[in-house]
Amino acid sequence: NNQQKKGGGGGGNNQQKKGDAMGAGTSSAEEVKALRIAKVAQLRDAGAEPFAYRFDRTHTAAQLQSIHEDLAAGAEVEGTVEAVCGRVKARRVFGKLAFLSLEDDGGGIQLYCDKKRIDAAEPGAFKRIVDLVDMGDIVGAKGTVKRTEKGELSIAVDSFEMLTKSLLPLPDKFKGLTDVEMRYRQRYVDLIANPEVRDTFRTRAGIVSGIRRFLDDRAFMEMETPVLESRAGGADAKPFNTFHNALGMNLTLRIATELHLKRLVVGGFERVYEMGRIFRNEGISTRHNPEFTSVEVYQAYADVSDMLELTEEMICYCAKRANGGALKIQYGDETIDLGQRPWRRAPMNDLVKEAAGVDLMGDYAGDLSGAKAAAEAALRALGDKESMSGIPGVQQAPSVGHVLNEMFEATVETKLRQPTFVLDHPVEISPLAKPHRAKRGVTERFELFIVGRELANSFSELTDPVDQRERLESQIETHRVAQEAARAAAEAKGKAALAEYEAELYPIAMDEDFVTALEYGMPPTAGMGLGVDRLVMLLTNSASIRDVIAFPLLKSQD
């Protein structure tokens, strides 16, 4: 089975003519394409249709492997004809025998092609298989199940049919599709060439359906809210802008589903969620894609502690589905233990105090200049690159709460490897969360971090419409001041910097209708948003978000 020659996009046997479809290793893709188009004509001349309409199979390869797992080497199942179909992943020819490795959606099986047997039913059929079938072709075959003397479960072929003639060669069998950029750009080839990539997306589908099942089983109702909005809300992020011609309206793609889901809670739905695409016109990294999938969940008459329990249970539920019931998972060279429950819970201020030795909310509440000086001194004392990178953010922070958040990101965030709920975020960075009922200056909020990445964000939702308006107005003003400072800095650097600043500029506007909805009264509510792509990354041991999004956004090659 492993005697295919390197560069074997088409044949891999010593009878294959030089220059035939042996792949990019010996011929250019265009040369291979021309040869294969010629084979399409030959198939039609022989009365075959190289692009079939349908094929009725009896079992998948995986089903046959399971049914006949006890079939002895050399044995054949007489009297039962099976029909299988899939893509040819390898081929070998030895005189009057040909062996094709067939792969379908769930597994593989060998086609055992004996010239005498095949030609008995249709004279010349064996020669057509040898001459006209290439790696990558999609074929169907009928015959009996046998296990070869070498132990390979096979179909002893009686009849053979070309279902789709592949015109381009598959990647080299030994090298595979190794160009990472090309893997993302031509995902369909990546999926053909790398079974483990297909496994990742199967696991993703199981996680997504698991989230829905988990929430449906707890009486949450899935809703659909607008993707096109007149203003972006529910997060602080730069939106994508578009225009509706018929209505003459400027619109944005949503940056969160939060505000519409809360309107539904106001309307009387007590448990709602939405799984959907979110769009943010921001940078691309191993953790960020401009469009990504989130699930947001809202439960009336609950608070953040209820949502914390729900989040932990839901992630464990998905992990078991993805990992055969196991809660210890491998991520890179780390073992993450999701089964050590309850997961760690710690206030943000305590974590910063533990990492940097400064108690910002205790010693510097209301003292912005003192907080900045203490924080900068602590970062310089730590001295590592990550800590030092936090100094500009601390220097520009408009409040003690912002200083704390900058310190957390610089000294704590990436070090939270095992599941950790970070609690009690400052009011200034949590405009939609209820103030903490027992602690001044912070909110009833958590963020979940695993392997140094934020996975979920939740809070007891702010239901006081007067407080909500004031918080949103404060957020808008803070945003305006920050943008004015950024403009001044850009102008000082020259035209290029100013142009770059203006390209990144985006407004934040008051959502009057959302505040109006709160004025009608929203019950006490807890909400949670979880990044589905990041959860899939964790549960499939994927280093980049692009590995778990089938078709990630890539820079144009033009």
Protein backbone atom coordinates (compact mmCIF):
# COMPACT_ATOMS: atom_id res chain seq x y z
CA ASN A 1 0.00 0.00 0.00
CA ASN A 2 2.93 2.37 0.53
CA GLN A 3 4.73 1.93 -2.77
CA GLN A 4 3.29 5.05 -4.38
CA LYS A 5 6.10 7.16 -5.80
CA LYS A 6 6.76 10.65 -4.52
CA GLY A 7 4.94 13.19 -6.66
CA GLY A 8 2.22 10.60 -7.21
CA GLY A 9 -0.76 12.75 -8.06
CA GLY A 10 -2.09 10.25 -10.53
CA GLY A 11 -0.59 6.82 -10.72
CA GLY A 12 2.32 5.56 -8.75
CA ASN A 13 3.01 2.36 -10.69
CA ASN A 14 5.87 1.39 -12.94
CA GLN A 15 3.55 1.04 -15.91
CA GLN A 16 2.45 4.68 -15.76
CA LYS A 17 3.79 6.59 -18.75
CA LYS A 18 6.24 9.38 -18.12
CA GLY A 19 4.41 12.67 -18.06
CA ASP A 20 1.09 11.08 -17.07
CA ALA A 21 -0.83 12.49 -14.11
CA MET A 22 1.77 11.85 -11.45
CA GLY A 23 1.29 15.16 -9.70
CA ALA A 24 3.16 18.39 -9.30
CA GLY A 25 6.37 16.49 -8.54
CA THR A 26 6.93 15.59 -12.23
CA SER A 27 4.46 17.79 -14.14
CA SER A 28 2.95 21.19 -13.67
CA ALA A 29 -0.66 21.36 -12.52
CA GLU A 30 -1.67 22.67 -15.94
CA GLU A 31 0.04 19.74 -17.70
CA VAL A 32 -1.69 17.29 -15.38
CA LYS A 33 -5.00 19.05 -15.99
CA ALA A 34 -4.57 18.75 -19.77
CA LEU A 35 -3.82 15.02 -19.47
CA ARG A 36 -6.82 14.43 -17.28
CA ILE A 37 -9.15 16.41 -19.55
CA ALA A 38 -8.00 14.08 -22.31
CA LYS A 39 -8.97 11.15 -20.07
CA VAL A 40 -12.45 12.67 -19.67
CA ALA A 41 -12.81 12.49 -23.45
CA GLN A 42 -11.55 8.88 -23.47
CA LEU A 43 -14.11 7.91 -20.84
CA ARG A 44 -16.91 9.47 -22.87
CA ASP A 45 -15.68 7.76 -26.02
CA ALA A 46 -15.94 4.47 -24.10
CA GLY A 47 -19.58 5.24 -23.26
CA ALA A 48 -18.96 6.28 -19.62
CA GLU A 49 -20.08 9.53 -17.98
CA PRO A 50 -17.09 10.94 -16.03
CA PHE A 51 -19.34 13.22 -13.97
CA ALA A 52 -22.10 10.93 -12.72
CA TYR A 53 -25.53 11.87 -11.38
CA ARG A 54 -25.73 9.54 -8.38
CA PHE A 55 -24.47 6.31 -6.86
CA ASP A 56 -26.31 4.06 -4.41
CA ARG A 57 -23.97 2.54 -1.87
CA THR A 58 -24.84 -0.20 0.56
CA HIS A 59 -22.45 0.76 3.38
CA THR A 60 -19.76 3.28 4.20
CA ALA A 61 -16.17 2.15 4.59
CA ALA A 62 -16.37 2.54 8.37
CA GLN A 63 -19.52 0.42 8.52
CA LEU A 64 -17.87 -2.37 6.53
CA GLN A 65 -14.76 -2.20 8.70
CA SER A 66 -16.98 -2.65 11.76
CA ILE A 67 -19.21 -5.38 10.29
CA HIS A 68 -16.25 -7.46 9.11
CA GLU A 69 -13.70 -6.77 11.83
CA ASP A 70 -13.50 -10.50 12.59
CA LEU A 71 -13.10 -11.62 8.95
CA ALA A 72 -9.96 -13.74 8.69
CA ALA A 73 -7.07 -12.95 6.34
CA GLY A 74 -7.66 -14.59 2.97
CA ALA A 75 -11.40 -15.03 3.57
CA GLU A 76 -14.16 -13.68 1.29
CA VAL A 77 -17.86 -13.09 2.03
CA GLU A 78 -19.69 -14.92 -0.74
CA GLY A 79 -23.18 -14.07 -1.93
CA THR A 80 -23.47 -10.49 -0.64
CA VAL A 81 -22.64 -7.71 -3.06
CA GLU A 82 -21.58 -4.42 -1.51
CA ALA A 83 -21.47 -1.01 -3.24
CA VAL A 84 -18.95 1.55 -2.01
CA CYS A 85 -17.86 4.98 -3.19
CA GLY A 86 -15.29 7.62 -2.33
CA ARG A 87 -12.08 9.31 -3.41
CA VAL A 88 -9.03 7.40 -4.65
CA LYS A 89 -6.16 8.27 -2.30
CA ALA A 90 -3.57 5.78 -3.64
CA ARG A 91 -3.24 3.29 -6.50
CA ARG A 92 -0.88 0.43 -7.34
CA VAL A 93 -0.81 -1.84 -10.35
CA PHE A 94 0.93 -5.20 -10.52
CA GLY A 95 0.29 -6.83 -13.89
CA LYS A 96 -3.25 -8.22 -13.78
CA LEU A 97 -4.00 -6.83 -10.31
CA ALA A 98 -4.72 -3.23 -9.31
CA PHE A 99 -5.24 -1.90 -5.78
CA LEU A 100 -7.05 1.37 -5.15
CA SER A 101 -7.23 2.92 -1.67
CA LEU A 102 -10.70 4.41 -1.35
CA GLU A 103 -11.61 7.03 1.26
CA ASP A 104 -15.08 8.28 2.11
CA ASP A 105 -16.39 10.63 4.80
CA GLY A 106 -15.74 8.24 7.64
CA GLY A 107 -12.89 5.92 6.72
CA GLY A 108 -11.13 3.88 4.08
CA ILE A 109 -11.30 0.53 2.28
CA GLN A 110 -9.29 -1.05 -0.51
CA LEU A 111 -10.61 -1.90 -3.97
CA TYR A 112 -9.11 -5.22 -5.10
CA CYS A 113 -9.25 -5.18 -8.89
CA ASP A 114 -8.59 -8.53 -10.59
CA LYS A 115 -8.42 -8.28 -14.42
CA LYS A 116 -10.03 -11.66 -15.02
CA ARG A 117 -12.93 -10.98 -12.68
CA ILE A 118 -13.63 -7.43 -13.88
CA ASP A 119 -13.24 -8.15 -17.60
CA ALA A 120 -15.58 -11.15 -17.28
CA ALA A 121 -18.44 -8.74 -16.66
CA GLU A 122 -17.23 -5.97 -18.99
CA PRO A 123 -14.35 -6.65 -21.37
CA GLY A 124 -11.73 -3.88 -21.31
CA ALA A 125 -12.88 -2.49 -17.96
CA PHE A 126 -9.64 -3.37 -16.18
CA LYS A 127 -7.54 -1.51 -18.77
CA ARG A 128 -9.72 1.58 -18.33
CA ILE A 129 -9.13 1.45 -14.58
CA VAL A 130 -5.37 1.19 -15.10
CA ASP A 131 -5.19 3.86 -17.81
CA LEU A 132 -7.86 6.35 -16.80
CA VAL A 133 -8.15 6.35 -12.98
CA ASP A 134 -5.93 8.80 -11.10
CA MET A 135 -5.41 9.73 -7.48
CA GLY A 136 -8.13 12.16 -6.50
CA ASP A 137 -10.84 10.66 -8.70
CA ILE A 138 -14.17 9.89 -7.05
CA VAL A 139 -15.30 6.38 -7.96
CA GLY A 140 -17.88 3.73 -7.15
CA ALA A 141 -17.44 -0.03 -7.12
CA LYS A 142 -19.54 -3.13 -6.52
CA GLY A 143 -18.28 -6.51 -5.37
CA THR A 144 -17.85 -8.84 -2.43
CA VAL A 145 -15.99 -8.16 0.77
CA LYS A 146 -12.70 -9.98 1.27
CA ARG A 147 -9.68 -9.63 3.48
CA THR A 148 -6.37 -10.02 1.65
CA GLU A 149 -3.62 -12.31 2.83
CA LYS A 150 -1.90 -9.18 4.19
CA GLY A 151 -4.98 -8.38 6.27
CA GLU A 152 -6.40 -5.46 4.24
CA LEU A 153 -10.23 -5.34 4.16
CA SER A 154 -11.16 -4.96 0.51
CA ILE A 155 -13.93 -5.03 -2.04
CA ALA A 156 -13.20 -7.67 -4.69
CA VAL A 157 -14.48 -5.55 -7.58
CA ASP A 158 -17.01 -6.93 -10.08
CA SER A 159 -18.02 -3.58 -11.57
CA PHE A 160 -16.46 -0.12 -11.45
CA GLU A 161 -17.77 3.35 -12.21
CA MET A 162 -16.13 6.77 -12.52
CA LEU A 163 -18.28 9.22 -10.54
CA THR A 164 -16.21 12.41 -10.79
CA LYS A 165 -12.98 12.76 -12.74
CA SER A 166 -10.53 14.96 -10.80
CA LEU A 167 -8.70 17.36 -13.10
CA LEU A 168 -6.03 18.58 -10.67
CA PRO A 169 -3.46 16.50 -8.76
CA LEU A 170 -3.64 16.03 -5.02
CA PRO A 171 -0.69 17.23 -2.91
CA ASP A 172 2.34 14.98 -2.74
CA LYS A 173 1.50 11.92 -0.62
CA PHE A 174 4.64 12.17 1.48
CA LYS A 175 4.92 15.94 1.88
CA GLY A 176 1.18 16.61 2.09
CA LEU A 177 -0.26 20.13 1.95
CA THR A 178 2.29 21.80 4.22
CA ASP A 179 2.01 25.45 3.11
CA VAL A 180 -0.06 26.86 5.98
CA GLU A 181 -1.36 29.84 3.98
CA MET A 182 -2.42 27.52 1.14
CA ARG A 183 -4.13 25.20 3.62
CA TYR A 184 -6.41 28.07 4.70
CA ARG A 185 -6.84 29.49 1.19
CA GLN A 186 -7.72 26.14 -0.40
CA ARG A 187 -9.39 24.47 2.57
CA TYR A 188 -11.06 21.93 0.28
CA VAL A 189 -7.63 20.54 -0.66
CA ASP A 190 -6.56 20.66 2.99
CA LEU A 191 -9.60 18.57 3.92
CA ILE A 192 -8.90 16.03 1.18
CA ALA A 193 -5.22 15.72 2.06
CA ASN A 194 -5.36 15.81 5.87
CA PRO A 195 -7.89 13.56 7.64
CA GLU A 196 -7.02 15.15 11.00
CA VAL A 197 -8.33 18.49 9.70
CA ARG A 198 -11.67 16.84 8.90
CA ASP A 199 -11.65 15.41 12.43
CA THR A 200 -11.23 18.94 13.85
CA PHE A 201 -14.32 20.18 12.01
CA ARG A 202 -16.32 17.10 12.98
CA THR A 203 -15.41 17.85 16.59
CA ARG A 204 -16.40 21.48 16.07
CA ALA A 205 -19.82 20.40 14.78
CA GLY A 206 -20.24 18.21 17.86
CA ILE A 207 -19.32 21.09 20.19
CA VAL A 208 -21.73 23.47 18.48
CA SER A 209 -24.60 20.97 18.59
CA GLY A 210 -23.62 20.17 22.20
CA ILE A 211 -23.95 23.81 23.26
CA ARG A 212 -27.40 23.96 21.69
CA ARG A 213 -28.48 20.67 23.28
CA PHE A 214 -27.19 21.73 26.69
CA LEU A 215 -29.13 25.01 26.58
CA ASP A 216 -32.26 23.52 24.98
CA ASP A 217 -32.38 20.88 27.71
CA ARG A 218 -32.44 23.70 30.29
CA ALA A 219 -35.43 25.43 28.68
CA PHE A 220 -33.43 28.17 26.94
CA MET A 221 -34.97 29.28 23.66
CA GLU A 222 -32.77 29.98 20.66
CA MET A 223 -33.55 33.32 19.02
CA GLU A 224 -32.27 35.17 15.98
CA THR A 225 -31.43 38.87 16.14
CA PRO A 226 -30.38 41.29 13.37
CA VAL A 227 -26.95 41.18 11.76
CA LEU A 228 -27.55 44.58 10.15
CA GLU A 229 -27.90 47.37 12.70
CA SER A 230 -28.25 51.14 12.56
CA ARG A 231 -25.56 51.45 15.25
CA ALA A 232 -23.09 49.01 16.77
CA GLY A 233 -23.70 48.15 20.41
CA GLY A 234 -23.09 45.62 23.15
CA ALA A 235 -19.29 45.91 22.97
CA ASP A 236 -16.56 48.45 22.28
CA ALA A 237 -15.19 47.40 18.89
CA LYS A 238 -14.83 48.88 15.43
CA PRO A 239 -17.70 47.68 13.22
CA PHE A 240 -17.90 46.95 9.51
CA ASN A 241 -19.98 49.59 7.75
CA THR A 242 -22.34 49.06 4.85
CA PHE A 243 -25.18 50.91 3.11
CA HIS A 244 -28.79 49.93 2.33
CA ASN A 245 -29.63 51.41 -1.05
CA ALA A 246 -33.43 51.18 -0.95
CA LEU A 247 -33.69 52.75 2.49
CA GLY A 248 -30.77 55.15 2.02
CA MET A 249 -29.38 54.04 5.38
CA ASN A 250 -25.88 53.63 6.72
CA LEU A 251 -25.73 50.32 8.59
CA THR A 252 -23.16 48.28 10.50
CA LEU A 253 -22.68 44.55 10.93
CA ARG A 254 -23.30 43.56 14.53
CA ILE A 255 -20.40 43.45 16.99
CA ALA A 256 -22.48 41.59 19.62
CA THR A 257 -25.96 40.09 20.03
CA GLU A 258 -26.38 41.40 23.57
CA LEU A 259 -28.69 44.37 23.31
CA HIS A 260 -31.33 42.68 21.17
CA LEU A 261 -31.37 39.59 23.36
CA LYS A 262 -31.93 41.83 26.40
CA ARG A 263 -34.85 43.45 24.61
CA LEU A 264 -36.35 39.96 24.30
CA VAL A 265 -35.97 39.47 28.06
CA VAL A 266 -37.78 42.78 28.57
CA GLY A 267 -40.50 41.40 26.29
CA GLY A 268 -41.08 38.41 28.57
CA PHE A 269 -38.81 35.60 27.37
CA GLU A 270 -37.05 34.45 30.53
CA ARG A 271 -34.37 32.18 29.00
CA VAL A 272 -32.93 33.05 25.59
CA TYR A 273 -29.73 32.47 23.68
CA GLU A 274 -28.26 33.04 20.25
CA MET A 275 -25.44 31.24 18.50
CA GLY A 276 -24.25 33.36 15.63
CA ARG A 277 -21.61 35.19 13.68
CA ILE A 278 -20.13 38.41 15.08
CA PHE A 279 -18.19 40.89 12.93
CA ARG A 280 -15.44 43.20 14.19
CA ASN A 281 -13.29 45.31 11.90
CA GLU A 282 -10.11 44.72 13.84
CA GLY A 283 -6.76 42.96 13.57
CA ILE A 284 -6.12 39.32 12.73
CA SER A 285 -4.06 37.05 14.99
CA THR A 286 -3.94 33.46 16.20
CA ARG A 287 -6.82 34.39 18.54
CA HIS A 288 -8.77 36.88 16.40
CA ASN A 289 -10.66 36.61 13.11
CA PRO A 290 -12.82 39.51 11.83
CA GLU A 291 -15.86 37.22 11.81
CA PHE A 292 -16.26 34.69 14.58
CA THR A 293 -18.93 32.66 16.33
CA SER A 294 -20.24 33.44 19.80
CA VAL A 295 -23.08 32.17 21.95
CA GLU A 296 -24.81 34.65 24.27
CA VAL A 297 -27.14 33.39 26.99
CA TYR A 298 -29.59 35.37 29.15
CA GLN A 299 -31.56 34.08 32.14
CA ALA A 300 -34.13 36.16 33.99
CA TYR A 301 -34.33 36.06 37.80
CA ALA A 302 -30.70 34.87 38.01
CA ASP A 303 -27.39 36.54 38.77
CA VAL A 304 -23.74 36.11 37.84
CA SER A 305 -23.26 33.17 40.24
CA ASP A 306 -25.92 31.18 38.36
CA MET A 307 -24.23 31.96 35.06
CA LEU A 308 -20.84 30.94 36.47
CA GLU A 309 -22.19 27.48 37.31
CA LEU A 310 -23.90 27.19 33.93
CA THR A 311 -20.70 28.16 32.08
CA GLU A 312 -18.58 25.61 33.94
CA GLU A 313 -21.14 22.85 33.38
CA MET A 314 -21.60 23.67 29.69
CA ILE A 315 -17.88 23.64 28.91
CA CYS A 316 -17.43 20.33 30.75
CA TYR A 317 -20.41 18.92 28.83
CA CYS A 318 -18.83 19.94 25.51
CA ALA A 319 -15.40 18.66 26.56
CA LYS A 320 -16.82 15.23 27.32
CA ARG A 321 -18.53 15.12 23.91
CA ALA A 322 -15.31 16.14 22.17
CA ASN A 323 -12.94 13.89 24.11
CA GLY A 324 -14.77 10.64 24.71
CA GLY A 325 -15.90 11.56 28.21
CA ALA A 326 -12.48 12.78 29.41
CA LEU A 327 -12.06 16.10 31.22
CA LYS A 328 -8.26 16.09 31.16
CA ILE A 329 -7.26 17.51 27.81
CA GLN A 330 -3.95 18.15 26.10
CA TYR A 331 -3.24 21.64 24.79
CA GLY A 332 0.19 21.99 23.26
CA ASP A 333 2.59 20.65 25.88
CA GLU A 334 0.18 21.38 28.75
CA THR A 335 -2.43 19.18 30.41
CA ILE A 336 -5.56 21.14 31.25
CA ASP A 337 -7.72 19.57 33.94
CA LEU A 338 -11.33 20.64 33.50
CA GLY A 339 -12.39 17.99 36.02
CA GLN A 340 -10.84 19.81 39.01
CA ARG A 341 -14.12 21.40 40.02
CA PRO A 342 -15.11 23.90 41.14
CA TRP A 343 -12.71 25.89 38.99
CA ARG A 344 -10.63 28.59 40.63
CA ARG A 345 -12.44 31.88 41.33
CA ALA A 346 -10.45 35.04 42.20
CA PRO A 347 -11.10 38.82 42.11
CA MET A 348 -9.11 40.74 39.50
CA ASN A 349 -7.56 43.01 42.14
CA ASP A 350 -6.36 40.01 44.19
CA LEU A 351 -4.72 38.44 41.14
CA VAL A 352 -2.89 41.68 40.31
CA LYS A 353 -1.85 42.09 43.94
CA GLU A 354 -0.52 38.50 43.92
CA ALA A 355 1.41 39.01 40.66
CA ALA A 356 2.69 42.58 41.07
CA GLY A 357 2.44 43.38 44.79
CA VAL A 358 0.19 46.41 44.37
CA ASP A 359 -3.33 46.76 45.86
CA LEU A 360 -4.90 49.25 43.45
CA MET A 361 -8.54 49.04 44.60
CA GLY A 362 -7.56 49.00 48.29
CA ASP A 363 -4.76 51.57 48.53
CA TYR A 364 -5.51 53.85 45.59
CA ALA A 365 -9.32 53.99 45.24
CA GLY A 366 -10.06 57.44 43.81
CA ASP A 367 -6.33 58.32 43.54
CA LEU A 368 -5.60 58.04 39.82
CA SER A 369 -2.14 59.62 39.86
CA GLY A 370 -1.09 57.48 42.83
CA ALA A 371 -2.45 54.34 41.16
CA LYS A 372 -0.57 55.10 37.93
CA ALA A 373 2.70 55.73 39.76
CA ALA A 374 2.40 52.55 41.86
CA ALA A 375 1.42 50.45 38.86
CA GLU A 376 4.25 51.74 36.67
CA ALA A 377 6.77 51.17 39.46
CA ALA A 378 5.49 47.60 39.90
CA LEU A 379 5.75 46.89 36.16
CA ARG A 380 9.31 48.25 36.02
CA ALA A 381 10.24 46.18 39.07
CA LEU A 382 8.99 43.02 37.33
CA GLY A 383 10.98 44.07 34.28
CA ASP A 384 10.00 41.31 31.84
CA LYS A 385 8.89 42.19 28.31
CA GLU A 386 5.20 41.47 28.93
CA SER A 387 5.10 43.63 32.07
CA MET A 388 6.99 46.51 30.41
CA SER A 389 4.53 46.44 27.48
CA GLY A 390 1.77 47.45 29.94
CA ILE A 391 3.36 50.79 30.88
CA PRO A 392 1.89 52.90 28.02
CA GLY A 393 -1.62 51.64 28.82
CA VAL A 394 -1.17 52.46 32.50
CA GLN A 395 0.12 55.96 31.68
CA GLN A 396 -2.91 56.68 29.46
CA ALA A 397 -5.53 55.09 31.73
CA PRO A 398 -8.45 57.47 32.50
CA SER A 399 -9.42 55.84 35.82
CA VAL A 400 -8.12 53.57 38.58
CA GLY A 401 -10.35 50.83 37.15
CA HIS A 402 -8.61 51.13 33.79
CA VAL A 403 -5.22 51.00 35.53
CA LEU A 404 -6.25 47.75 37.21
CA ASN A 405 -7.34 46.27 33.89
CA GLU A 406 -4.05 47.26 32.23
CA MET A 407 -2.13 45.67 35.09
CA PHE A 408 -4.17 42.49 34.81
CA GLU A 409 -3.47 42.19 31.09
CA ALA A 410 0.25 42.85 31.56
CA THR A 411 0.95 40.66 34.59
CA VAL A 412 -1.77 38.03 35.00
CA GLU A 413 -3.80 37.16 31.91
CA THR A 414 -1.39 34.94 29.96
CA LYS A 415 -0.36 33.10 33.15
CA LEU A 416 -3.87 31.77 33.86
CA ARG A 417 -3.35 28.32 32.32
CA GLN A 418 -5.85 26.21 34.28
CA PRO A 419 -9.55 27.26 34.28
CA THR A 420 -9.91 30.47 36.31
CA PHE A 421 -12.92 32.71 36.79
CA VAL A 422 -11.68 36.29 37.22
CA LEU A 423 -14.25 38.19 39.30
CA ASP A 424 -15.17 41.75 40.32
CA HIS A 425 -14.18 43.88 37.32
CA PRO A 426 -14.04 47.67 37.78
CA VAL A 427 -17.18 49.66 37.02
CA GLU A 428 -15.31 51.80 34.47
CA ILE A 429 -14.67 48.87 32.11
CA SER A 430 -18.07 47.19 32.65
CA PRO A 431 -20.76 49.58 31.36
CA LEU A 432 -23.49 46.92 31.11
CA ALA A 433 -22.94 45.16 34.47
CA LYS A 434 -24.64 45.69 37.83
CA PRO A 435 -22.50 47.30 40.55
CA HIS A 436 -21.35 44.76 43.12
CA ARG A 437 -23.85 44.54 45.96
CA ALA A 438 -21.08 44.36 48.63
CA LYS A 439 -17.90 45.91 47.12
CA ARG A 440 -17.44 49.52 46.02
CA GLY A 441 -16.02 50.35 42.61
CA VAL A 442 -16.48 46.91 41.03
CA THR A 443 -19.24 45.00 39.29
CA GLU A 444 -20.80 41.55 39.52
CA ARG A 445 -18.92 40.16 36.57
CA PHE A 446 -16.58 37.35 35.64
CA GLU A 447 -14.33 36.46 32.74
CA LEU A 448 -13.19 32.86 32.28
CA PHE A 449 -9.57 32.29 31.29
CA ILE A 450 -8.02 28.99 30.17
CA VAL A 451 -4.53 28.63 28.64
CA GLY A 452 -4.09 32.39 29.05
CA ARG A 453 -7.06 33.27 26.84
CA GLU A 454 -10.42 34.76 27.65
CA LEU A 455 -13.12 32.22 26.86
CA ALA A 456 -16.27 33.69 28.40
CA ASN A 457 -17.59 36.96 29.85
CA SER A 458 -20.59 37.28 32.14
CA PHE A 459 -22.35 39.61 34.56
CA SER A 460 -25.42 40.38 36.53
CA GLU A 461 -27.04 42.60 33.92
CA LEU A 462 -27.58 46.27 34.69
CA THR A 463 -31.35 46.81 34.88
CA ASP A 464 -31.50 50.38 36.24
CA PRO A 465 -32.19 52.55 33.14
CA VAL A 466 -30.93 55.77 34.78
CA ASP A 467 -27.64 54.15 35.81
CA GLN A 468 -27.40 52.52 32.34
CA ARG A 469 -27.77 55.87 30.57
CA GLU A 470 -25.10 57.44 32.78
CA ARG A 471 -22.71 54.51 32.19
CA LEU A 472 -23.18 54.64 28.43
CA GLU A 473 -22.71 58.42 28.41
CA SER A 474 -19.51 57.97 30.43
CA GLN A 475 -18.30 55.29 28.02
CA ILE A 476 -19.00 57.57 25.04
CA GLU A 477 -17.13 60.46 26.68
CA THR A 478 -14.14 58.27 27.59
CA HIS A 479 -14.04 57.03 24.01
CA ARG A 480 -14.21 60.62 22.67
CA VAL A 481 -11.37 61.82 24.92
CA ALA A 482 -9.21 58.82 23.98
CA GLN A 483 -9.80 59.45 20.28
CA GLU A 484 -8.96 63.15 20.64
CA ALA A 485 -5.69 62.25 22.38
CA ALA A 486 -4.93 59.71 19.66
CA ARG A 487 -5.62 62.33 16.97
CA ALA A 488 -3.28 64.84 18.62
CA ALA A 489 -0.54 62.21 18.83
CA ALA A 490 -1.08 61.25 15.17
CA GLU A 491 -1.04 64.87 13.98
CA ALA A 492 2.30 65.36 15.73
CA LYS A 493 3.75 62.45 13.77
CA GLY A 494 2.67 63.68 10.34
CA LYS A 495 0.23 62.96 7.51
CA ALA A 496 0.82 59.21 7.29
CA ALA A 497 0.11 58.70 11.01
CA LEU A 498 -2.98 60.93 10.78
CA ALA A 499 -4.30 58.94 7.82
CA GLU A 500 -3.75 55.71 9.74
CA TYR A 501 -5.58 57.16 12.76
CA GLU A 502 -8.56 58.26 10.63
CA ALA A 503 -8.77 54.78 9.07
CA GLU A 504 -9.12 53.29 12.56
CA LEU A 505 -11.59 55.92 13.83
CA TYR A 506 -15.07 54.76 14.81
CA PRO A 507 -17.89 56.41 16.77
CA ILE A 508 -19.82 55.12 19.77
CA ALA A 509 -23.42 56.33 19.93
CA MET A 510 -26.12 56.11 22.56
CA ASP A 511 -28.66 53.36 21.82
CA GLU A 512 -31.74 55.28 22.93
CA ASP A 513 -34.08 52.43 22.06
CA PHE A 514 -32.20 50.04 24.34
CA VAL A 515 -32.46 52.48 27.25
CA THR A 516 -36.16 52.91 26.45
CA ALA A 517 -36.57 49.12 26.64
CA LEU A 518 -34.99 49.12 30.11
CA GLU A 519 -37.39 51.88 31.16
CA TYR A 520 -40.26 49.44 30.57
CA GLY A 521 -38.53 47.16 33.10
CA MET A 522 -36.16 44.22 32.73
CA PRO A 523 -36.27 41.55 35.46
CA PRO A 524 -33.08 40.72 37.38
CA THR A 525 -31.05 38.94 34.68
CA ALA A 526 -27.72 37.20 34.26
CA GLY A 527 -25.99 37.07 30.87
CA MET A 528 -22.98 35.28 29.45
CA GLY A 529 -21.11 35.36 26.16
CA LEU A 530 -18.72 32.59 25.10
CA GLY A 531 -16.31 32.50 22.15
CA VAL A 532 -17.18 29.28 20.34
CA ASP A 533 -14.07 29.32 18.14
CA ARG A 534 -11.78 29.63 21.16
CA LEU A 535 -13.59 26.78 22.91
CA VAL A 536 -13.10 24.63 19.81
CA MET A 537 -9.40 25.62 19.75
CA LEU A 538 -9.06 24.43 23.34
CA LEU A 539 -10.91 21.14 22.86
CA THR A 540 -9.18 20.23 19.57
CA ASN A 541 -5.66 21.28 20.63
CA SER A 542 -5.53 23.89 17.84
CA ALA A 543 -2.93 26.66 18.09
CA SER A 544 -4.67 29.17 15.80
CA ILE A 545 -8.27 30.30 15.37
CA ARG A 546 -7.77 29.78 11.63
CA ASP A 547 -7.43 26.05 12.28
CA VAL A 548 -11.02 25.86 13.58
CA ILE A 549 -12.74 28.23 11.11
CA ALA A 550 -13.34 26.42 7.82
CA PHE A 551 -12.76 29.49 5.67
CA PRO A 552 -10.91 32.21 7.63
CA LEU A 553 -10.50 35.67 6.13
CA LEU A 554 -7.18 36.00 4.31
CA LYS A 555 -5.42 38.88 2.65
CA SER A 556 -6.17 39.09 -1.06
CA GLN A 557 -3.48 37.69 -3.35
CA ASP A 558 -4.26 40.25 -6.05
